[in-house]
N, C-alpha and C. Protein backbone atom coordinates (compact mmCIF):
# COMPACT_ATOMS: atom_id res chain seq x y z
N MET A 1 132.57 104.64 127.29
CA MET A 1 132.12 105.74 126.42
C MET A 1 132.50 107.08 127.04
N TYR A 2 132.68 108.06 126.20
CA TYR A 2 133.06 109.39 126.70
C TYR A 2 131.89 110.36 126.55
N PRO A 3 131.28 110.72 127.66
CA PRO A 3 130.15 111.66 127.61
C PRO A 3 130.57 112.99 126.98
N ASP A 4 131.79 113.41 127.32
CA ASP A 4 132.27 114.69 126.78
C ASP A 4 132.40 114.59 125.27
N LYS A 5 132.99 113.49 124.82
CA LYS A 5 133.18 113.32 123.38
C LYS A 5 131.82 113.16 122.70
N PHE A 6 130.95 112.41 123.33
CA PHE A 6 129.63 112.18 122.73
C PHE A 6 128.87 113.49 122.57
N HIS A 7 128.95 114.31 123.61
CA HIS A 7 128.23 115.60 123.57
C HIS A 7 128.81 116.47 122.44
N LEU A 8 130.12 116.48 122.34
CA LEU A 8 130.76 117.30 121.31
C LEU A 8 130.39 116.76 119.93
N THR A 9 130.36 115.44 119.83
CA THR A 9 130.04 114.83 118.54
C THR A 9 128.61 115.17 118.13
N LYS A 10 127.73 115.22 119.12
CA LYS A 10 126.32 115.51 118.80
C LYS A 10 126.21 116.91 118.20
N GLU A 11 126.86 117.87 118.84
CA GLU A 11 126.76 119.26 118.34
C GLU A 11 127.53 119.39 117.02
N GLN A 12 128.70 118.76 116.98
CA GLN A 12 129.51 118.86 115.76
C GLN A 12 128.87 118.04 114.64
N ASN A 13 128.13 117.02 115.03
CA ASN A 13 127.49 116.17 114.02
C ASN A 13 126.61 117.02 113.11
N ARG A 14 125.96 118.00 113.67
CA ARG A 14 125.05 118.86 112.86
C ARG A 14 125.87 119.58 111.81
N CYS A 15 126.95 120.22 112.24
CA CYS A 15 127.78 120.98 111.29
C CYS A 15 128.46 120.00 110.32
N PHE A 16 128.91 118.88 110.86
CA PHE A 16 129.60 117.89 110.03
C PHE A 16 128.64 117.30 108.99
N ALA A 17 127.43 117.00 109.43
CA ALA A 17 126.44 116.41 108.51
C ALA A 17 126.16 117.39 107.37
N LYS A 18 126.06 118.65 107.71
CA LYS A 18 125.77 119.66 106.67
C LYS A 18 126.92 119.71 105.67
N LYS A 19 128.13 119.72 106.19
CA LYS A 19 129.31 119.79 105.30
C LYS A 19 129.42 118.49 104.51
N ASN A 20 129.17 117.38 105.19
CA ASN A 20 129.28 116.08 104.54
C ASN A 20 128.26 115.99 103.40
N LEU A 21 127.09 116.50 103.65
CA LEU A 21 126.03 116.43 102.64
C LEU A 21 126.45 117.23 101.41
N VAL A 22 126.98 118.41 101.65
CA VAL A 22 127.40 119.25 100.52
C VAL A 22 128.53 118.56 99.77
N ARG A 23 129.44 117.95 100.52
CA ARG A 23 130.58 117.28 99.89
C ARG A 23 130.08 116.08 99.09
N LEU A 24 129.12 115.38 99.65
CA LEU A 24 128.60 114.21 98.96
C LEU A 24 127.95 114.63 97.64
N VAL A 25 127.22 115.71 97.70
CA VAL A 25 126.54 116.19 96.48
C VAL A 25 127.58 116.60 95.45
N PHE A 26 128.63 117.27 95.92
CA PHE A 26 129.67 117.72 94.99
C PHE A 26 130.43 116.53 94.42
N THR A 27 130.66 115.55 95.29
CA THR A 27 131.39 114.35 94.84
C THR A 27 130.55 113.59 93.83
N ASN A 28 129.25 113.59 94.05
CA ASN A 28 128.36 112.88 93.14
C ASN A 28 128.33 113.67 91.85
């Protein structure tokens, strides 16, 4: 596992989740 990648994913996950949620709503 990559701690560096994991850490980045955790922080980016927040921004990504927000964008993904908006995209999901728009797609729906």
